[in-house]
Amino acid sequence: MPESSKSAHRGEDLSVTSSIPMEVSEEQATLFREVLTALEERHLPYAVSGAFALRAHTGICRFTKDLDLFMTAKTSGEVFPFLRERGFDCDVVDPVWLAKARKGDFFVDLITGMSNGVIVVEDSWIERASPVVVHGVKTRVLGPEELVASKIFVAKRERFDGADIAHVIYGTYGAFDWERELKLVGEHWEMLLWSLLLFRYVYPAQTHYVPAAIWRKLLRGFETQIANACPDARFRGSLVDENMFAIDINEWKLANILEETRQKRLAEIDALPKYSGAVHCTSLLNGIA
C-alpha cells in the first residue's frame, strides 16, 4: 500500500472533532463578512449552514474553507448580481442545487437543496433559522431540523454525515421538533430511521432523546413495509450514492430514479420567474442530462 494511502487509512489526514475554534485567516474572515453584509444590506432571505450551523447546535468547531448559504432557488438567482458587483466570480455548478461565488482562494456555496433533487430548500427553512453572529455579522443559521434534513442523503463512500446528525440530536435534546423533521423528510423517512438507529447505537443511554412516539411511528412503519414488501418497488440506490450504485444501473439495468428526480427538480426551477441579473454569471452545468 502506498504511503499516502497508509496515512489516509490511519486517519492522519482526517479532521478530528473538537470544540476548539479553528484559526481563520483574515482574508477568509473578510470575504465571509463581505458576503454576509451584502446579503443583509439587500435583505435577501438566506441561512448559514455547514460548519457554522454545526457549531451553533453542537459546539463542534470544524475548519471550513467555504461558507455554506442555504436559500431558495429564486433567491439564488437574485444574489448573483450583488456579489458580482463586489468582485465575485459566480458559477452555477449544478442548477438542481448548487452555485458558487469565488474570490481568491475562498468561495461561498449557494445551496438550494440536495443534489438528488428530493430535498429542496423552501421559505420555511429560512423563516425558522436561528439568530447568530458570524465573523461579526448578525445573521442566522439553519434550525437543527433543517440541518439534519440537509444531511440525510450525505451518505457516500467519500463523505458520510451520520456523525453530524447524531451530534445535532445529542446537542439539541428537548428543543428538536420531531414532527417538523418528519415533514421535511417525507416519503424518505427510512433514511431518517437509518440515522436514528446509528444515534441509538452511538448513544444508547440517550435513546430517550428521540421521543418514544417517534420510535414507535418509524418502527411500525418499517414493520409494515417489511410485511407488505412490494415486488415492483423502485430501486433507490442512486438517490444515496450514484457512483457506488452505478453498476446497478449501467450493468444490471435497474431504473435510474435519480435521473427522474433531478429532471423533475429542473422543471420546477425552470418554471420559476427569472431574475435578469442572473445572466451575468457563468453557467457550468456539470453532469446534467
C-alpha atoms as a PDB file:
ATOM      1  CA  MET A   1       0.000   0.000   0.000  1.00  0.00           C
ATOM      2  CA  PRO A   2       1.426   3.438  -0.946  1.00  0.00           C
ATOM      3  CA  GLU A   3       2.497   5.587   1.990  1.00  0.00           C
ATOM      4  CA  SER A   4      -0.143   8.227   1.195  1.00  0.00           C
ATOM      5  CA  SER A   5      -2.827   5.555   1.290  1.00  0.00           C
ATOM      6  CA  LYS A   6      -1.469   4.251   4.585  1.00  0.00           C
ATOM      7  CA  SER A   7      -1.697   7.743   6.087  1.00  0.00           C
ATOM      8  CA  ALA A   8      -5.268   8.196   4.944  1.00  0.00           C
ATOM      9  CA  HIS A   9      -6.120   4.708   6.167  1.00  0.00           C
ATOM     10  CA  ARG A  10      -4.745   5.542   9.612  1.00  0.00           C
ATOM     11  CA  GLY A  11      -6.871   8.696   9.637  1.00  0.00           C
ATOM     12  CA  GLU A  12      -3.883  11.061   9.828  1.00  0.00           C
ATOM     13  CA  ASP A  13      -5.333  13.271   7.073  1.00  0.00           C
ATOM     14  CA  LEU A  14      -8.838  13.376   8.509  1.00  0.00           C
ATOM     15  CA  SER A  15     -10.178  16.088  10.793  1.00  0.00           C
ATOM     16  CA  VAL A  16     -10.878  15.208  14.415  1.00  0.00           C
ATOM     17  CA  THR A  17     -13.939  16.649  16.128  1.00  0.00           C
ATOM     18  CA  SER A  18     -13.246  19.258  18.784  1.00  0.00           C
ATOM     19  CA  SER A  19     -14.770  22.296  20.471  1.00  0.00           C
ATOM     20  CA  ILE A  20     -11.540  24.260  19.989  1.00  0.00           C
ATOM     21  CA  PRO A  21     -12.091  27.111  17.488  1.00  0.00           C
ATOM     22  CA  MET A  22     -10.097  26.782  14.305  1.00  0.00           C
ATOM     23  CA  GLU A  23      -7.863  29.602  13.160  1.00  0.00           C
ATOM     24  CA  VAL A  24      -9.280  31.527  10.227  1.00  0.00           C
ATOM     25  CA  SER A  25      -7.150  33.804   8.073  1.00  0.00           C
ATOM     26  CA  GLU A  26      -8.103  37.465   7.971  1.00  0.00           C
ATOM     27  CA  GLU A  27      -8.561  37.182   4.205  1.00  0.00           C
ATOM     28  CA  GLN A  28     -11.101  34.408   4.662  1.00  0.00           C
ATOM     29  CA  ALA A  29     -12.910  36.171   7.502  1.00  0.00           C
ATOM     30  CA  THR A  30     -13.067  39.397   5.472  1.00  0.00           C
ATOM     31  CA  LEU A  31     -14.578  37.564   2.499  1.00  0.00           C
ATOM     32  CA  PHE A  32     -17.212  35.899   4.689  1.00  0.00           C
ATOM     33  CA  ARG A  33     -18.101  39.236   6.296  1.00  0.00           C
ATOM     34  CA  GLU A  34     -18.331  40.869   2.884  1.00  0.00           C
ATOM     35  CA  VAL A  35     -20.768  38.265   1.577  1.00  0.00           C
ATOM     36  CA  LEU A  36     -22.950  38.242   4.679  1.00  0.00           C
ATOM     37  CA  THR A  37     -23.034  42.029   4.872  1.00  0.00           C
ATOM     38  CA  ALA A  38     -24.021  42.282   1.202  1.00  0.00           C
ATOM     39  CA  LEU A  39     -26.945  39.896   1.681  1.00  0.00           C
ATOM     40  CA  GLU A  40     -28.045  41.597   4.891  1.00  0.00           C
ATOM     41  CA  GLU A  41     -27.988  45.027   3.257  1.00  0.00           C
ATOM     42  CA  ARG A  42     -30.186  43.729   0.445  1.00  0.00           C
ATOM     43  CA  HIS A  43     -32.491  41.936   2.937  1.00  0.00           C
ATOM     44  CA  LEU A  44     -32.204  38.731   0.942  1.00  0.00           C
ATOM     45  CA  PRO A  45     -33.567  35.628   2.728  1.00  0.00           C
ATOM     46  CA  TYR A  46     -30.911  33.026   3.470  1.00  0.00           C
ATOM     47  CA  ALA A  47     -29.480  30.974   6.332  1.00  0.00           C
ATOM     48  CA  VAL A  48     -25.908  29.952   7.095  1.00  0.00           C
ATOM     49  CA  SER A  49     -25.289  26.209   7.266  1.00  0.00           C
ATOM     50  CA  GLY A  50     -22.233  23.978   7.177  1.00  0.00           C
ATOM     51  CA  ALA A  51     -19.613  24.314   9.890  1.00  0.00           C
ATOM     52  CA  PHE A  52     -21.225  27.421  11.396  1.00  0.00           C
ATOM     53  CA  ALA A  53     -24.619  25.768  11.862  1.00  0.00           C
ATOM     54  CA  LEU A  54     -22.999  22.616  13.234  1.00  0.00           C
ATOM     55  CA  ARG A  55     -21.132  24.689  15.805  1.00  0.00           C
ATOM     56  CA  ALA A  56     -24.281  26.589  16.799  1.00  0.00           C
ATOM     57  CA  HIS A  57     -26.212  23.369  17.513  1.00  0.00           C
ATOM     58  CA  THR A  58     -23.469  21.076  18.819  1.00  0.00           C
ATOM     59  CA  GLY A  59     -20.476  23.137  19.938  1.00  0.00           C
ATOM     60  CA  ILE A  60     -18.264  21.313  17.432  1.00  0.00           C
ATOM     61  CA  CYS A  61     -15.746  23.548  15.671  1.00  0.00           C
ATOM     62  CA  ARG A  62     -14.659  22.483  12.209  1.00  0.00           C
ATOM     63  CA  PHE A  63     -12.327  24.213   9.810  1.00  0.00           C
ATOM     64  CA  THR A  64     -14.024  25.287   6.619  1.00  0.00           C
ATOM     65  CA  LYS A  65     -12.649  26.986   3.543  1.00  0.00           C
ATOM     66  CA  ASP A  66     -16.104  27.823   2.263  1.00  0.00           C
ATOM     67  CA  LEU A  67     -19.260  29.447   3.564  1.00  0.00           C
ATOM     68  CA  ASP A  68     -22.465  27.456   3.009  1.00  0.00           C
ATOM     69  CA  LEU A  69     -25.544  29.616   2.488  1.00  0.00           C
ATOM     70  CA  PHE A  70     -28.936  27.967   2.099  1.00  0.00           C
ATOM     71  CA  MET A  71     -31.645  29.772   0.145  1.00  0.00           C
ATOM     72  CA  THR A  72     -34.446  29.090  -2.281  1.00  0.00           C
ATOM     73  CA  ALA A  73     -33.667  28.690  -5.978  1.00  0.00           C
ATOM     74  CA  LYS A  74     -35.416  32.008  -6.636  1.00  0.00           C
ATOM     75  CA  THR A  75     -33.228  33.838  -4.127  1.00  0.00           C
ATOM     76  CA  SER A  76     -30.089  32.209  -5.507  1.00  0.00           C
ATOM     77  CA  GLY A  77     -30.698  33.877  -8.862  1.00  0.00           C
ATOM     78  CA  GLU A  78     -31.231  37.245  -7.185  1.00  0.00           C
ATOM     79  CA  VAL A  79     -27.971  37.026  -5.220  1.00  0.00           C
ATOM     80  CA  PHE A  80     -25.651  36.817  -8.247  1.00  0.00           C
ATOM     81  CA  PRO A  81     -25.600  40.464  -9.414  1.00  0.00           C
ATOM     82  CA  PHE A  82     -24.972  41.806  -5.908  1.00  0.00           C
ATOM     83  CA  LEU A  83     -21.997  39.533  -5.389  1.00  0.00           C
ATOM     84  CA  ARG A  84     -20.675  40.263  -8.853  1.00  0.00           C
ATOM     85  CA  GLU A  85     -20.734  43.967  -8.054  1.00  0.00           C
ATOM     86  CA  ARG A  86     -18.335  43.170  -5.202  1.00  0.00           C
ATOM     87  CA  GLY A  87     -15.880  41.362  -7.417  1.00  0.00           C
ATOM     88  CA  PHE A  88     -17.021  37.760  -7.047  1.00  0.00           C
ATOM     89  CA  ASP A  89     -16.974  35.266  -9.901  1.00  0.00           C
ATOM     90  CA  CYS A  90     -20.305  33.412  -9.929  1.00  0.00           C
ATOM     91  CA  ASP A  91     -20.882  29.948 -11.381  1.00  0.00           C
ATOM     92  CA  VAL A  92     -23.964  27.769 -11.481  1.00  0.00           C
ATOM     93  CA  VAL A  93     -22.264  24.444 -10.845  1.00  0.00           C
ATOM     94  CA  ASP A  94     -25.440  22.373 -10.834  1.00  0.00           C
ATOM     95  CA  PRO A  95     -28.835  24.080 -11.272  1.00  0.00           C
ATOM     96  CA  VAL A  96     -30.518  21.379  -9.194  1.00  0.00           C
ATOM     97  CA  TRP A  97     -28.814  22.529  -6.026  1.00  0.00           C
ATOM     98  CA  LEU A  98     -25.505  24.441  -6.164  1.00  0.00           C
ATOM     99  CA  ALA A  99     -23.946  27.724  -7.265  1.00  0.00           C
ATOM    100  CA  LYS A 100     -20.594  29.164  -6.193  1.00  0.00           C
ATOM    101  CA  ALA A 101     -19.246  32.662  -5.670  1.00  0.00           C
ATOM    102  CA  ARG A 102     -15.441  32.862  -5.660  1.00  0.00           C
ATOM    103  CA  LYS A 103     -12.848  35.458  -4.804  1.00  0.00           C
ATOM    104  CA  GLY A 104      -9.229  34.444  -4.462  1.00  0.00           C
ATOM    105  CA  ASP A 105      -8.729  31.096  -2.759  1.00  0.00           C
ATOM    106  CA  PHE A 106     -12.060  31.149  -0.924  1.00  0.00           C
ATOM    107  CA  PHE A 107     -15.605  30.636  -2.053  1.00  0.00           C
ATOM    108  CA  VAL A 108     -19.224  30.696  -0.977  1.00  0.00           C
ATOM    109  CA  ASP A 109     -21.653  27.885  -1.761  1.00  0.00           C
ATOM    110  CA  LEU A 110     -25.222  28.926  -2.536  1.00  0.00           C
ATOM    111  CA  ILE A 111     -27.244  25.791  -1.811  1.00  0.00           C
ATOM    112  CA  THR A 112     -30.895  25.356  -2.806  1.00  0.00           C
ATOM    113  CA  GLY A 113     -31.403  21.685  -1.961  1.00  0.00           C
ATOM    114  CA  MET A 114     -29.756  18.297  -2.227  1.00  0.00           C
ATOM    115  CA  SER A 115     -28.072  17.071  -5.403  1.00  0.00           C
ATOM    116  CA  ASN A 116     -30.572  14.229  -5.832  1.00  0.00           C
ATOM    117  CA  GLY A 117     -33.450  16.719  -6.048  1.00  0.00           C
ATOM    118  CA  VAL A 118     -35.619  15.181  -3.337  1.00  0.00           C
ATOM    119  CA  ILE A 119     -34.804  17.635  -0.525  1.00  0.00           C
ATOM    120  CA  VAL A 120     -35.485  21.251  -1.501  1.00  0.00           C
ATOM    121  CA  VAL A 121     -34.911  24.477   0.423  1.00  0.00           C
ATOM    122  CA  GLU A 122     -38.194  26.318   0.967  1.00  0.00           C
ATOM    123  CA  ASP A 123     -39.037  29.678   2.508  1.00  0.00           C
ATOM    124  CA  SER A 124     -39.873  27.953   5.796  1.00  0.00           C
ATOM    125  CA  TRP A 125     -36.238  26.842   6.132  1.00  0.00           C
ATOM    126  CA  ILE A 126     -35.158  30.480   6.267  1.00  0.00           C
ATOM    127  CA  GLU A 127     -38.068  31.618   8.405  1.00  0.00           C
ATOM    128  CA  ARG A 128     -37.173  29.033  11.078  1.00  0.00           C
ATOM    129  CA  ALA A 129     -33.454  29.902  11.175  1.00  0.00           C
ATOM    130  CA  SER A 130     -31.851  30.864  14.489  1.00  0.00           C
ATOM    131  CA  PRO A 131     -30.018  34.196  15.033  1.00  0.00           C
ATOM    132  CA  VAL A 132     -26.216  34.057  15.411  1.00  0.00           C
ATOM    133  CA  VAL A 133     -23.191  36.237  14.809  1.00  0.00           C
ATOM    134  CA  VAL A 134     -20.696  35.028  12.197  1.00  0.00           C
ATOM    135  CA  HIS A 135     -17.413  36.912  11.990  1.00  0.00           C
ATOM    136  CA  GLY A 136     -19.031  39.986  13.480  1.00  0.00           C
ATOM    137  CA  VAL A 137     -22.117  39.978  11.250  1.00  0.00           C
ATOM    138  CA  LYS A 138     -25.570  39.420  12.733  1.00  0.00           C
ATOM    139  CA  THR A 139     -27.127  36.665  10.678  1.00  0.00           C
ATOM    140  CA  ARG A 140     -28.881  33.320  11.177  1.00  0.00           C
ATOM    141  CA  VAL A 141     -28.147  29.593  10.908  1.00  0.00           C
ATOM    142  CA  LEU A 142     -30.371  26.736   9.797  1.00  0.00           C
ATOM    143  CA  GLY A 143     -32.538  25.238  12.511  1.00  0.00           C
ATOM    144  CA  PRO A 144     -31.439  21.795  13.736  1.00  0.00           C
ATOM    145  CA  GLU A 145     -34.297  20.063  11.935  1.00  0.00           C
ATOM    146  CA  GLU A 146     -33.383  21.581   8.578  1.00  0.00           C
ATOM    147  CA  LEU A 147     -29.707  20.889   9.224  1.00  0.00           C
ATOM    148  CA  VAL A 148     -30.471  17.208   9.789  1.00  0.00           C
ATOM    149  CA  ALA A 149     -32.676  17.073   6.684  1.00  0.00           C
ATOM    150  CA  SER A 150     -29.832  18.570   4.639  1.00  0.00           C
ATOM    151  CA  LYS A 151     -27.536  15.754   5.779  1.00  0.00           C
ATOM    152  CA  ILE A 152     -29.907  12.780   5.442  1.00  0.00           C
ATOM    153  CA  PHE A 153     -28.638  11.879   1.976  1.00  0.00           C
ATOM    154  CA  VAL A 154     -24.975  12.696   2.597  1.00  0.00           C
ATOM    155  CA  ALA A 155     -24.070   9.030   2.855  1.00  0.00           C
ATOM    156  CA  LYS A 156     -21.472   8.491   0.179  1.00  0.00           C
ATOM    157  CA  ARG A 157     -18.295   6.449   0.303  1.00  0.00           C
ATOM    158  CA  GLU A 158     -16.157   9.593   0.440  1.00  0.00           C
ATOM    159  CA  ARG A 159     -18.360  11.535   2.843  1.00  0.00           C
ATOM    160  CA  PHE A 160     -20.859  10.425   5.463  1.00  0.00           C
ATOM    161  CA  ASP A 161     -22.684  12.922   7.698  1.00  0.00           C
ATOM    162  CA  GLY A 162     -24.219  10.364  10.057  1.00  0.00           C
ATOM    163  CA  ALA A 163     -21.989  11.525  12.921  1.00  0.00           C
ATOM    164  CA  ASP A 164     -23.109  15.127  12.362  1.00  0.00           C
ATOM    165  CA  ILE A 165     -26.744  14.062  12.572  1.00  0.00           C
ATOM    166  CA  ALA A 166     -26.091  12.131  15.777  1.00  0.00           C
ATOM    167  CA  HIS A 167     -24.324  15.132  17.281  1.00  0.00           C
ATOM    168  CA  VAL A 168     -27.161  17.502  16.350  1.00  0.00           C
ATOM    169  CA  ILE A 169     -29.725  15.220  18.005  1.00  0.00           C
ATOM    170  CA  TYR A 170     -27.492  14.873  21.055  1.00  0.00           C
ATOM    171  CA  GLY A 171     -26.863  18.603  21.258  1.00  0.00           C
ATOM    172  CA  THR A 172     -30.459  19.794  20.839  1.00  0.00           C
ATOM    173  CA  TYR A 173     -32.272  17.434  23.226  1.00  0.00           C
ATOM    174  CA  GLY A 174     -35.544  18.964  24.362  1.00  0.00           C
ATOM    175  CA  ALA A 175     -35.593  21.573  21.604  1.00  0.00           C
ATOM    176  CA  PHE A 176     -35.783  19.375  18.499  1.00  0.00           C
ATOM    177  CA  ASP A 177     -39.107  19.466  16.620  1.00  0.00           C
ATOM    178  CA  TRP A 178     -39.620  15.869  15.527  1.00  0.00           C
ATOM    179  CA  GLU A 179     -42.873  16.441  13.708  1.00  0.00           C
ATOM    180  CA  ARG A 180     -41.116  19.096  11.655  1.00  0.00           C
ATOM    181  CA  GLU A 181     -38.355  16.613  10.855  1.00  0.00           C
ATOM    182  CA  LEU A 182     -40.836  14.005   9.685  1.00  0.00           C
ATOM    183  CA  LYS A 183     -42.436  16.598   7.433  1.00  0.00           C
ATOM    184  CA  LEU A 184     -39.069  17.576   5.955  1.00  0.00           C
ATOM    185  CA  VAL A 185     -38.006  14.024   5.072  1.00  0.00           C
ATOM    186  CA  GLY A 186     -41.471  12.986   3.915  1.00  0.00           C
ATOM    187  CA  GLU A 187     -41.535   9.728   1.980  1.00  0.00           C
ATOM    188  CA  HIS A 188     -37.827   9.255   2.667  1.00  0.00           C
ATOM    189  CA  TRP A 189     -38.437   8.629   6.374  1.00  0.00           C
ATOM    190  CA  GLU A 190     -36.461   5.379   6.202  1.00  0.00           C
ATOM    191  CA  MET A 191     -33.312   7.444   5.720  1.00  0.00           C
ATOM    192  CA  LEU A 192     -34.158   9.234   8.964  1.00  0.00           C
ATOM    193  CA  LEU A 193     -34.736   5.912  10.706  1.00  0.00           C
ATOM    194  CA  TRP A 194     -31.338   4.734   9.488  1.00  0.00           C
ATOM    195  CA  SER A 195     -29.745   7.828  11.034  1.00  0.00           C
ATOM    196  CA  LEU A 196     -31.645   7.322  14.283  1.00  0.00           C
ATOM    197  CA  LEU A 197     -30.513   3.718  14.556  1.00  0.00           C
ATOM    198  CA  LEU A 198     -26.943   4.970  14.319  1.00  0.00           C
ATOM    199  CA  PHE A 199     -27.724   7.546  17.029  1.00  0.00           C
ATOM    200  CA  ARG A 200     -29.158   4.817  19.244  1.00  0.00           C
ATOM    201  CA  TYR A 201     -26.068   2.643  18.705  1.00  0.00           C
ATOM    202  CA  VAL A 202     -23.711   5.517  19.487  1.00  0.00           C
ATOM    203  CA  TYR A 203     -25.693   6.923  22.434  1.00  0.00           C
ATOM    204  CA  PRO A 204     -27.659   4.003  23.956  1.00  0.00           C
ATOM    205  CA  ALA A 205     -28.095   5.849  27.269  1.00  0.00           C
ATOM    206  CA  GLN A 206     -29.698   8.748  25.374  1.00  0.00           C
ATOM    207  CA  THR A 207     -32.253   6.685  23.439  1.00  0.00           C
ATOM    208  CA  HIS A 208     -34.950   8.872  25.017  1.00  0.00           C
ATOM    209  CA  TYR A 209     -33.555  11.923  23.220  1.00  0.00           C
ATOM    210  CA  VAL A 210     -35.721  10.627  20.395  1.00  0.00           C
ATOM    211  CA  PRO A 211     -39.282  10.557  21.777  1.00  0.00           C
ATOM    212  CA  ALA A 212     -40.842   7.137  22.215  1.00  0.00           C
ATOM    213  CA  ALA A 213     -43.711   8.157  19.945  1.00  0.00           C
ATOM    214  CA  ILE A 214     -41.263   8.840  17.107  1.00  0.00           C
ATOM    215  CA  TRP A 215     -39.526   5.496  17.597  1.00  0.00           C
ATOM    216  CA  ARG A 216     -42.913   3.721  17.541  1.00  0.00           C
ATOM    217  CA  LYS A 217     -44.095   5.588  14.464  1.00  0.00           C
ATOM    218  CA  LEU A 218     -40.982   4.875  12.451  1.00  0.00           C
ATOM    219  CA  LEU A 219     -40.553   1.271  13.565  1.00  0.00           C
ATOM    220  CA  ARG A 220     -44.194   0.448  12.979  1.00  0.00           C
ATOM    221  CA  GLY A 221     -43.955   1.997   9.544  1.00  0.00           C
ATOM    222  CA  PHE A 222     -40.848  -0.063   8.863  1.00  0.00           C
ATOM    223  CA  GLU A 223     -42.546  -3.224  10.092  1.00  0.00           C
ATOM    224  CA  THR A 224     -45.464  -2.522   7.780  1.00  0.00           C
ATOM    225  CA  GLN A 225     -43.132  -2.035   4.833  1.00  0.00           C
ATOM    226  CA  ILE A 226     -41.397  -5.348   5.556  1.00  0.00           C
ATOM    227  CA  ALA A 227     -44.669  -7.227   5.999  1.00  0.00           C
ATOM    228  CA  ASN A 228     -46.032  -5.835   2.747  1.00  0.00           C
ATOM    229  CA  ALA A 229     -42.927  -5.786   0.604  1.00  0.00           C
ATOM    230  CA  CYS A 230     -43.788  -4.851  -2.973  1.00  0.00           C
ATOM    231  CA  PRO A 231     -42.001  -6.831  -5.691  1.00  0.00           C
ATOM    232  CA  ASP A 232     -42.364  -3.827  -8.001  1.00  0.00           C
ATOM    233  CA  ALA A 233     -40.807  -1.294  -5.612  1.00  0.00           C
ATOM    234  CA  ARG A 234     -38.307   1.015  -7.316  1.00  0.00           C
ATOM    235  CA  PHE A 235     -34.564   0.719  -6.847  1.00  0.00           C
ATOM    236  CA  ARG A 236     -33.422   3.830  -4.931  1.00  0.00           C
ATOM    237  CA  GLY A 237     -29.680   3.318  -4.539  1.00  0.00           C
ATOM    238  CA  SER A 238     -28.773   6.147  -6.906  1.00  0.00           C
ATOM    239  CA  LEU A 239     -30.508   8.627  -4.588  1.00  0.00           C
ATOM    240  CA  VAL A 240     -27.929   7.714  -1.927  1.00  0.00           C
ATOM    241  CA  ASP A 241     -24.730   7.365  -3.982  1.00  0.00           C
ATOM    242  CA  GLU A 242     -24.846   7.389  -7.774  1.00  0.00           C
ATOM    243  CA  ASN A 243     -21.237   6.224  -8.030  1.00  0.00           C
ATOM    244  CA  MET A 244     -21.322   3.249  -5.683  1.00  0.00           C
ATOM    245  CA  PHE A 245     -24.637   2.100  -7.156  1.00  0.00           C
ATOM    246  CA  ALA A 246     -23.656   2.817 -10.766  1.00  0.00           C
ATOM    247  CA  ILE A 247     -23.270  -0.889 -11.562  1.00  0.00           C
ATOM    248  CA  ASP A 248     -26.916  -1.454 -10.650  1.00  0.00           C
ATOM    249  CA  ILE A 249     -27.969   0.965 -13.380  1.00  0.00           C
ATOM    250  CA  ASN A 250     -25.270   0.575 -16.006  1.00  0.00           C
ATOM    251  CA  GLU A 251     -24.825  -3.198 -15.924  1.00  0.00           C
ATOM    252  CA  TRP A 252     -27.750  -4.681 -14.017  1.00  0.00           C
ATOM    253  CA  LYS A 253     -30.192  -2.362 -15.825  1.00  0.00           C
ATOM    254  CA  LEU A 254     -32.172  -1.189 -12.815  1.00  0.00           C
ATOM    255  CA  ALA A 255     -34.119   2.034 -13.289  1.00  0.00           C
ATOM    256  CA  ASN A 256     -32.294   5.292 -12.575  1.00  0.00           C
ATOM    257  CA  ILE A 257     -34.676   7.122 -10.255  1.00  0.00           C
ATOM    258  CA  LEU A 258     -32.020   9.802  -9.672  1.00  0.00           C
ATOM    259  CA  GLU A 259     -32.343  10.958 -13.255  1.00  0.00           C
ATOM    260  CA  GLU A 260     -36.092  11.296 -12.788  1.00  0.00           C
ATOM    261  CA  THR A 261     -35.921  13.249  -9.525  1.00  0.00           C
ATOM    262  CA  ARG A 262     -33.313  15.621 -10.942  1.00  0.00           C
ATOM    263  CA  GLN A 263     -35.293  16.225 -14.125  1.00  0.00           C
ATOM    264  CA  LYS A 264     -38.390  16.928 -12.081  1.00  0.00           C
ATOM    265  CA  ARG A 265     -36.493  19.445  -9.961  1.00  0.00           C
ATOM    266  CA  LEU A 266     -35.009  21.093 -13.053  1.00  0.00           C
ATOM    267  CA  ALA A 267     -38.505  21.526 -14.475  1.00  0.00           C
ATOM    268  CA  GLU A 268     -39.623  23.174 -11.221  1.00  0.00           C
ATOM    269  CA  ILE A 269     -36.672  25.554 -11.308  1.00  0.00           C
ATOM    270  CA  ASP A 270     -37.224  26.400 -14.976  1.00  0.00           C
ATOM    271  CA  ALA A 271     -40.790  27.399 -14.098  1.00  0.00           C
ATOM    272  CA  LEU A 272     -39.596  30.000 -11.577  1.00  0.00           C
ATOM    273  CA  PRO A 273     -39.607  33.684 -12.549  1.00  0.00           C
ATOM    274  CA  LYS A 274     -36.202  34.553 -13.977  1.00  0.00           C
ATOM    275  CA  TYR A 275     -34.141  37.320 -12.447  1.00  0.00           C
ATOM    276  CA  SER A 276     -32.440  39.312 -15.229  1.00  0.00           C
ATOM    277  CA  GLY A 277     -29.246  39.870 -13.227  1.00  0.00           C
ATOM    278  CA  ALA A 278     -28.518  36.159 -13.194  1.00  0.00           C
ATOM    279  CA  VAL A 279     -27.396  36.222 -16.838  1.00  0.00           C
ATOM    280  CA  HIS A 280     -24.150  37.898 -15.763  1.00  0.00           C
ATOM    281  CA  CYS A 281     -22.913  34.686 -14.214  1.00  0.00           C
ATOM    282  CA  THR A 282     -21.162  31.855 -15.974  1.00  0.00           C
ATOM    283  CA  SER A 283     -23.179  28.649 -16.125  1.00  0.00           C
ATOM    284  CA  LEU A 284     -21.235  25.443 -15.668  1.00  0.00           C
ATOM    285  CA  LEU A 285     -23.773  22.668 -15.794  1.00  0.00           C
ATOM    286  CA  ASN A 286     -21.951  19.566 -14.666  1.00  0.00           C
ATOM    287  CA  GLY A 287     -23.420  16.173 -15.346  1.00  0.00           C
ATOM    288  CA  ILE A 288     -26.885  17.399 -16.384  1.00  0.00           C
ATOM    289  CA  ALA A 289     -28.761  15.159 -18.755  1.00  0.00           C
END
